Protein backbone atom coordinates (compact mmCIF):
# COMPACT_ATOMS: atom_id res chain seq x y z
CA UNK A 1 64.38 59.99 146.97
CA UNK A 2 62.54 57.73 144.88
CA UNK A 3 64.38 54.89 143.48
CA UNK A 4 67.51 55.15 145.60
CA UNK A 5 68.15 52.31 147.58
CA UNK A 6 70.38 53.09 150.56
CA UNK A 7 71.75 49.56 150.93
CA UNK A 8 72.58 49.40 147.24
CA UNK A 9 74.16 52.86 147.61
CA UNK A 10 76.37 51.39 150.53
CA UNK A 11 77.07 48.19 148.61
CA UNK A 12 78.24 50.20 145.64
CA UNK A 13 80.49 52.31 147.77
CA UNK A 14 82.22 49.36 149.41
CA UNK A 15 82.84 47.96 146.03
CA UNK A 16 84.35 50.89 144.72
CA UNK A 17 86.47 51.38 148.00
CA UNK A 18 87.60 47.90 147.24
CA UNK A 19 88.63 48.73 143.87
CA UNK A 20 90.56 51.87 144.63
CA UNK A 21 92.30 50.04 147.29
CA UNK A 22 93.45 47.22 144.83
CA UNK A 23 94.09 50.05 142.19
CA UNK A 24 96.71 51.66 144.64
CA UNK A 25 98.42 48.62 145.71
CA UNK A 26 98.81 47.64 141.96
CA UNK A 27 100.20 51.32 141.27
CA UNK A 28 102.64 50.94 144.00
CA UNK A 29 104.25 47.74 142.55
CA UNK A 30 104.55 49.55 139.05
CA UNK A 31 107.31 50.85 137.59
CA UNK A 32 107.73 53.95 135.51
CA UNK A 33 110.94 55.49 133.76
CA UNK A 34 111.33 58.93 132.07
CA UNK A 35 114.50 60.13 130.58
CA UNK A 36 115.89 63.62 129.67
CA UNK A 37 119.02 64.54 127.89
CA UNK A 38 118.72 62.04 125.32
CA UNK A 39 118.69 59.43 127.98
CA UNK A 40 121.54 60.74 130.02
CA UNK A 41 119.28 61.30 132.92
CA UNK A 42 116.67 58.63 133.91
CA UNK A 43 114.24 58.91 136.86
CA UNK A 44 112.42 56.07 138.01
CA UNK A 45 109.07 56.09 140.16
CA UNK A 46 106.20 53.81 141.17
CA UNK A 47 102.79 54.01 139.59
CA UNK A 48 102.02 56.90 142.23
CA UNK A 49 104.41 59.14 140.94
CA UNK A 50 107.04 58.40 144.05
CA UNK A 51 110.62 58.69 143.01
CA UNK A 52 112.68 55.45 143.57
CA UNK A 53 115.84 56.15 141.89
CA UNK A 54 117.95 58.24 139.56
CA UNK A 55 120.52 57.25 137.03
CA UNK A 56 123.09 59.50 135.49
CA UNK A 57 125.38 58.89 132.72
CA UNK A 58 128.93 59.71 133.99
CA UNK A 59 129.19 61.94 130.86
CA UNK A 60 127.03 64.57 132.29
CA UNK A 61 129.08 64.80 135.55
CA UNK A 62 131.11 67.98 134.88
CA UNK A 63 131.53 70.28 137.72
CA UNK A 64 131.37 73.15 135.46
CA UNK A 65 127.85 71.86 134.07
CA UNK A 66 126.00 71.16 137.42
CA UNK A 67 123.10 73.61 136.66
CA UNK A 68 122.41 71.55 133.26
CA UNK A 69 122.67 68.40 135.24
CA UNK A 70 120.30 69.54 137.77
CA UNK A 71 117.89 70.80 135.01
CA UNK A 72 117.99 67.45 133.43
CA UNK A 73 116.96 65.68 136.73
CA UNK A 74 114.18 68.16 137.24
CA UNK A 75 112.89 67.64 133.74
CA UNK A 76 112.94 63.60 134.01
CA UNK A 77 111.31 63.65 137.34
CA UNK A 78 108.46 65.99 136.27
CA UNK A 79 107.93 63.82 133.38
CA UNK A 80 107.82 60.48 135.13
CA UNK A 81 105.55 62.10 137.78
CA UNK A 82 103.19 63.52 134.98
CA UNK A 83 102.95 60.22 133.55
CA UNK A 84 102.23 58.47 136.83
CA UNK A 85 99.41 61.05 137.58
CA UNK A 86 97.76 60.40 134.20
CA UNK A 87 98.00 56.54 134.77
CA UNK A 88 96.40 56.93 138.27
CA UNK A 89 93.85 59.20 136.98
CA UNK A 90 92.80 56.35 134.25
CA UNK A 91 92.81 53.80 136.91
CA UNK A 92 90.58 55.98 139.13
CA UNK A 93 88.21 56.35 136.26
CA UNK A 94 87.97 52.63 135.99
CA UNK A 95 87.62 52.07 139.60
CA UNK A 96 84.73 54.46 139.63
CA UNK A 97 82.89 52.33 137.21
CA UNK A 98 81.60 55.45 135.24
CA UNK A 99 80.65 57.13 138.23
CA UNK A 100 81.52 61.06 137.79
CA UNK A 101 84.87 61.64 139.82
CA UNK A 102 84.08 65.40 140.18
CA UNK A 103 86.96 67.07 141.95
CA UNK A 104 88.94 63.81 142.86
CA UNK A 105 91.74 65.22 140.38
CA UNK A 106 92.92 67.26 143.41
CA UNK A 107 92.97 64.12 145.50
CA UNK A 108 95.22 62.55 143.24
CA UNK A 109 97.99 65.21 143.31
CA UNK A 110 96.81 67.10 140.25
CA UNK A 111 96.81 70.85 139.78
């Protein structure tokens, strides 16, 4: 354990925790939008991927095309969540200050 200072490790850990908390607050305030169907369906989410809204062009509201509309909503929601997950991972790497993240991908909601 030569060269390892427990106090320094604790300070680094506290700094990282503060950066992560700050980053999470920032991402909650961020807004991301993804569209499908050429913009006929838009899904808005925060930077953490939580869905905040759905916008549907009235032109796609056809009782005979409900399945297509459902597919468009799922596609847009999946895309905005993918973008948010990538953003969160980038911010976590920054907050870690170059430290290896190991299995943190699973903690971020990744596969």
